[in-house]
């Protein structure tokens, strides 16, 4: 979807933030730059590995969601990710899954 809009993915890395593995990257189009991060989350379990979330889903039947966060500023991106990885955010996902 981003590439179809003319953006190019660069600087894709696996990072650990608050004990959770996530992917980060930068989308570039001309001088436009968007910092992005993503992972899969079911409220109890977070992963970046598709086979892992599918296996956990088979065992638990709890649906996973692709969490994608974007920002023009890398520092703000990190702050927003930390909020989403907080216990409070995971509780909201758990409530949604009931």
N, C-alpha and C. Protein backbone atom coordinates (compact mmCIF):
# COMPACT_ATOMS: atom_id res chain seq x y z
N UNK A 1 0.83 -1.19 0.00
CA UNK A 1 0.00 0.00 0.00
C UNK A 1 0.87 1.25 0.00
N UNK A 2 1.89 1.28 0.85
CA UNK A 2 2.77 2.45 0.87
C UNK A 2 3.55 2.55 -0.43
N UNK A 3 4.03 1.43 -0.93
CA UNK A 3 4.81 1.47 -2.16
C UNK A 3 3.96 1.92 -3.33
N UNK A 4 2.69 1.54 -3.32
CA UNK A 4 1.79 1.98 -4.36
C UNK A 4 1.57 3.48 -4.34
N UNK A 5 1.82 4.10 -3.19
CA UNK A 5 1.71 5.55 -3.06
C UNK A 5 3.03 6.25 -3.35
N UNK A 6 4.02 5.49 -3.80
CA UNK A 6 5.30 6.09 -4.16
C UNK A 6 6.35 6.08 -3.06
N UNK A 7 6.04 5.51 -1.91
CA UNK A 7 7.01 5.45 -0.81
C UNK A 7 7.92 4.25 -0.99
N UNK A 8 9.12 4.37 -0.48
CA UNK A 8 10.10 3.29 -0.50
C UNK A 8 10.45 2.95 0.94
N UNK A 9 10.39 1.66 1.29
CA UNK A 9 10.78 1.20 2.62
C UNK A 9 12.29 1.19 2.73
N UNK A 10 12.83 1.80 3.77
CA UNK A 10 14.27 1.78 4.03
C UNK A 10 14.49 1.53 5.52
N UNK A 11 15.70 1.20 5.86
CA UNK A 11 16.15 1.07 7.25
C UNK A 11 15.23 0.15 8.07
N UNK A 12 14.87 -1.01 7.52
CA UNK A 12 14.01 -1.94 8.24
C UNK A 12 14.88 -2.74 9.21
N UNK A 13 14.49 -2.71 10.50
CA UNK A 13 15.26 -3.37 11.55
C UNK A 13 14.32 -4.04 12.54
N UNK A 14 14.82 -5.09 13.17
CA UNK A 14 14.14 -5.69 14.31
C UNK A 14 14.70 -5.03 15.55
N UNK A 15 13.80 -4.56 16.43
CA UNK A 15 14.22 -3.92 17.68
C UNK A 15 13.48 -4.57 18.84
N UNK A 16 14.02 -4.38 20.02
CA UNK A 16 13.33 -4.80 21.23
C UNK A 16 13.01 -3.53 22.02
N UNK A 17 11.72 -3.32 22.28
CA UNK A 17 11.28 -2.16 23.04
C UNK A 17 10.35 -2.65 24.14
N UNK A 18 10.67 -2.30 25.37
CA UNK A 18 9.90 -2.77 26.53
C UNK A 18 9.79 -4.29 26.54
N UNK A 19 10.84 -4.97 26.09
CA UNK A 19 10.86 -6.43 26.09
C UNK A 19 10.11 -7.08 24.94
N UNK A 20 9.60 -6.29 24.01
CA UNK A 20 8.83 -6.81 22.88
C UNK A 20 9.60 -6.61 21.59
N UNK A 21 9.66 -7.66 20.79
CA UNK A 21 10.29 -7.57 19.47
C UNK A 21 9.33 -6.87 18.52
N UNK A 22 9.82 -5.85 17.84
CA UNK A 22 9.03 -5.12 16.86
C UNK A 22 9.89 -4.86 15.63
N UNK A 23 9.24 -4.57 14.52
CA UNK A 23 9.96 -4.10 13.34
C UNK A 23 9.83 -2.60 13.27
N UNK A 24 10.90 -1.94 12.85
CA UNK A 24 10.85 -0.51 12.59
C UNK A 24 11.40 -0.26 11.19
N UNK A 25 11.02 0.85 10.64
CA UNK A 25 11.52 1.21 9.32
C UNK A 25 11.22 2.67 9.03
N UNK A 26 11.69 3.10 7.89
CA UNK A 26 11.45 4.47 7.44
C UNK A 26 10.88 4.39 6.03
N UNK A 27 9.79 5.11 5.82
CA UNK A 27 9.19 5.23 4.50
C UNK A 27 9.62 6.56 3.91
N UNK A 28 10.14 6.53 2.69
CA UNK A 28 10.63 7.76 2.06
C UNK A 28 9.97 7.96 0.70
N UNK A 29 9.64 9.22 0.44
CA UNK A 29 9.11 9.63 -0.86
C UNK A 29 9.58 11.06 -1.07
N UNK A 30 10.59 11.22 -1.92
CA UNK A 30 11.19 12.55 -2.08
C UNK A 30 11.79 13.00 -0.76
N UNK A 31 11.38 14.15 -0.26
CA UNK A 31 11.88 14.65 1.03
C UNK A 31 10.97 14.23 2.18
N UNK A 32 9.86 13.57 1.87
CA UNK A 32 8.93 13.11 2.89
C UNK A 32 9.49 11.86 3.57
N UNK A 33 9.43 11.82 4.89
CA UNK A 33 9.96 10.70 5.67
C UNK A 33 8.98 10.35 6.78
N UNK A 34 8.58 9.08 6.83
CA UNK A 34 7.66 8.61 7.86
C UNK A 34 8.32 7.44 8.60
N UNK A 35 8.43 7.57 9.91
CA UNK A 35 8.98 6.50 10.74
C UNK A 35 7.82 5.57 11.09
N UNK A 36 8.07 4.27 11.02
CA UNK A 36 7.00 3.30 11.21
C UNK A 36 7.47 2.11 12.04
N UNK A 37 6.53 1.47 12.70
CA UNK A 37 6.82 0.26 13.48
C UNK A 37 5.59 -0.64 13.41
N UNK A 38 5.81 -1.95 13.52
CA UNK A 38 4.67 -2.88 13.48
C UNK A 38 5.01 -4.19 14.17
N UNK A 39 3.96 -4.86 14.65
CA UNK A 39 4.05 -6.17 15.29
C UNK A 39 2.64 -6.74 15.36
N UNK A 40 2.53 -8.00 15.76
CA UNK A 40 1.24 -8.66 15.95
C UNK A 40 0.97 -8.77 17.45
N UNK A 41 -0.29 -8.58 17.86
CA UNK A 41 -0.62 -8.52 19.28
C UNK A 41 -2.02 -9.11 19.51
N UNK A 42 -2.15 -9.94 20.55
CA UNK A 42 -3.48 -10.43 20.91
C UNK A 42 -3.88 -10.01 22.32
N UNK A 43 -3.14 -9.10 22.91
CA UNK A 43 -3.42 -8.64 24.27
C UNK A 43 -2.59 -9.35 25.32
N UNK A 44 -2.23 -10.59 25.05
CA UNK A 44 -1.39 -11.36 25.97
C UNK A 44 -0.02 -11.67 25.38
N UNK A 45 0.05 -11.68 24.07
CA UNK A 45 1.25 -12.14 23.38
C UNK A 45 1.54 -11.21 22.21
N UNK A 46 2.80 -10.80 22.08
CA UNK A 46 3.23 -9.94 20.99
C UNK A 46 4.37 -10.63 20.25
N UNK A 47 4.36 -10.51 18.93
CA UNK A 47 5.41 -11.13 18.12
C UNK A 47 5.51 -10.42 16.77
N UNK A 48 6.62 -10.62 16.11
CA UNK A 48 6.78 -10.14 14.73
C UNK A 48 6.79 -11.30 13.76
N UNK A 49 6.70 -12.51 14.28
CA UNK A 49 6.84 -13.70 13.46
C UNK A 49 5.47 -14.28 13.09
N UNK A 50 5.11 -14.28 11.80
CA UNK A 50 3.80 -14.78 11.38
C UNK A 50 3.51 -16.22 11.81
N UNK A 51 4.49 -17.09 11.72
CA UNK A 51 4.24 -18.48 12.13
C UNK A 51 3.99 -18.57 13.63
N UNK A 52 4.66 -17.74 14.40
CA UNK A 52 4.49 -17.77 15.85
C UNK A 52 3.07 -17.32 16.24
N UNK A 53 2.59 -16.21 15.67
CA UNK A 53 1.24 -15.77 16.05
C UNK A 53 0.18 -16.75 15.57
N UNK A 54 0.42 -17.37 14.42
CA UNK A 54 -0.55 -18.37 13.95
C UNK A 54 -0.60 -19.58 14.88
N UNK A 55 0.55 -20.02 15.35
CA UNK A 55 0.61 -21.16 16.26
C UNK A 55 -0.09 -20.82 17.58
N UNK A 56 0.17 -19.65 18.12
CA UNK A 56 -0.49 -19.24 19.37
C UNK A 56 -1.99 -19.12 19.14
N UNK A 57 -2.40 -18.60 18.00
CA UNK A 57 -3.83 -18.50 17.70
C UNK A 57 -4.48 -19.89 17.64
N UNK A 58 -3.82 -20.85 17.01
CA UNK A 58 -4.36 -22.22 16.94
C UNK A 58 -4.55 -22.78 18.35
N UNK A 59 -3.59 -22.53 19.23
CA UNK A 59 -3.67 -23.07 20.59
C UNK A 59 -4.69 -22.34 21.46
N UNK A 60 -4.82 -21.03 21.29
CA UNK A 60 -5.65 -20.23 22.20
C UNK A 60 -6.96 -19.74 21.58
N UNK A 61 -7.02 -19.67 20.26
CA UNK A 61 -8.17 -19.12 19.52
C UNK A 61 -8.41 -17.64 19.82
N UNK A 62 -7.39 -16.98 20.37
CA UNK A 62 -7.48 -15.53 20.60
C UNK A 62 -6.95 -14.83 19.36
N UNK A 63 -7.75 -13.97 18.73
CA UNK A 63 -7.31 -13.32 17.50
C UNK A 63 -6.15 -12.35 17.73
N UNK A 64 -5.31 -12.25 16.72
CA UNK A 64 -4.21 -11.30 16.72
C UNK A 64 -4.56 -10.12 15.83
N UNK A 65 -3.95 -9.00 16.13
CA UNK A 65 -4.12 -7.78 15.35
C UNK A 65 -2.75 -7.30 14.92
N UNK A 66 -2.67 -6.78 13.71
CA UNK A 66 -1.44 -6.15 13.25
C UNK A 66 -1.45 -4.72 13.77
N UNK A 67 -0.51 -4.41 14.62
CA UNK A 67 -0.38 -3.06 15.17
C UNK A 67 0.65 -2.33 14.32
N UNK A 68 0.26 -1.19 13.79
CA UNK A 68 1.14 -0.38 12.94
C UNK A 68 1.09 1.05 13.43
N UNK A 69 2.25 1.62 13.72
CA UNK A 69 2.34 2.97 14.26
C UNK A 69 3.23 3.78 13.33
N UNK A 70 2.80 5.00 13.00
CA UNK A 70 3.56 5.87 12.10
C UNK A 70 3.71 7.25 12.70
N UNK A 71 4.85 7.88 12.42
CA UNK A 71 5.10 9.23 12.92
C UNK A 71 6.12 9.92 12.02
N UNK A 72 6.05 11.22 11.98
CA UNK A 72 7.07 12.00 11.25
C UNK A 72 8.33 12.17 12.09
N UNK A 73 8.24 11.80 13.37
CA UNK A 73 9.33 12.03 14.31
C UNK A 73 9.67 10.71 15.00
N UNK A 74 10.93 10.31 14.95
CA UNK A 74 11.36 9.03 15.53
C UNK A 74 11.15 8.99 17.04
N UNK A 75 11.41 10.09 17.73
CA UNK A 75 11.23 10.14 19.18
C UNK A 75 9.76 9.95 19.55
N UNK A 76 8.87 10.64 18.85
CA UNK A 76 7.44 10.49 19.11
C UNK A 76 6.97 9.07 18.81
N UNK A 77 7.52 8.47 17.77
CA UNK A 77 7.17 7.09 17.43
C UNK A 77 7.50 6.17 18.60
N UNK A 78 8.70 6.31 19.14
CA UNK A 78 9.13 5.47 20.27
C UNK A 78 8.22 5.68 21.48
N UNK A 79 7.82 6.91 21.74
CA UNK A 79 6.93 7.20 22.87
C UNK A 79 5.56 6.55 22.68
N UNK A 80 5.03 6.63 21.48
CA UNK A 80 3.72 6.04 21.20
C UNK A 80 3.76 4.52 21.27
N UNK A 81 4.86 3.93 20.80
CA UNK A 81 5.01 2.48 20.89
C UNK A 81 5.03 2.06 22.36
N UNK A 82 5.77 2.79 23.18
CA UNK A 82 5.84 2.47 24.61
C UNK A 82 4.45 2.50 25.24
N UNK A 83 3.63 3.47 24.86
CA UNK A 83 2.25 3.53 25.37
C UNK A 83 1.45 2.31 24.94
N UNK A 84 1.58 1.95 23.67
CA UNK A 84 0.82 0.81 23.16
C UNK A 84 1.26 -0.51 23.77
N UNK A 85 2.52 -0.59 24.16
CA UNK A 85 3.03 -1.82 24.77
C UNK A 85 2.80 -1.85 26.28
N UNK A 86 2.17 -0.82 26.80
CA UNK A 86 1.92 -0.78 28.24
C UNK A 86 0.84 -1.79 28.62
N UNK A 87 0.80 -2.13 29.88
CA UNK A 87 -0.18 -3.09 30.38
C UNK A 87 -1.60 -2.61 30.09
N UNK A 88 -1.83 -1.32 30.21
CA UNK A 88 -3.16 -0.76 29.99
C UNK A 88 -3.64 -1.02 28.56
N UNK A 89 -2.78 -0.85 27.58
CA UNK A 89 -3.17 -1.08 26.19
C UNK A 89 -3.45 -2.56 25.95
N UNK A 90 -2.67 -3.43 26.55
CA UNK A 90 -2.91 -4.86 26.39
C UNK A 90 -4.24 -5.26 27.02
N UNK A 91 -4.59 -4.61 28.12
CA UNK A 91 -5.89 -4.88 28.75
C UNK A 91 -7.03 -4.49 27.81
N UNK A 92 -6.88 -3.39 27.09
CA UNK A 92 -7.91 -2.98 26.13
C UNK A 92 -8.08 -4.02 25.02
N UNK A 93 -6.98 -4.57 24.54
CA UNK A 93 -7.07 -5.61 23.51
C UNK A 93 -7.75 -6.85 24.08
N UNK A 94 -7.41 -7.21 25.33
CA UNK A 94 -8.05 -8.37 25.95
C UNK A 94 -9.56 -8.16 26.06
N UNK A 95 -9.98 -6.96 26.45
CA UNK A 95 -11.41 -6.67 26.57
C UNK A 95 -12.10 -6.77 25.22
N UNK A 96 -11.43 -6.31 24.19
CA UNK A 96 -11.99 -6.35 22.84
C UNK A 96 -12.17 -7.78 22.37
N UNK A 97 -11.29 -8.67 22.80
CA UNK A 97 -11.33 -10.07 22.38
C UNK A 97 -12.42 -10.88 23.08
N UNK A 98 -13.03 -10.34 24.12
CA UNK A 98 -14.05 -11.12 24.87
C UNK A 98 -15.35 -11.19 24.11
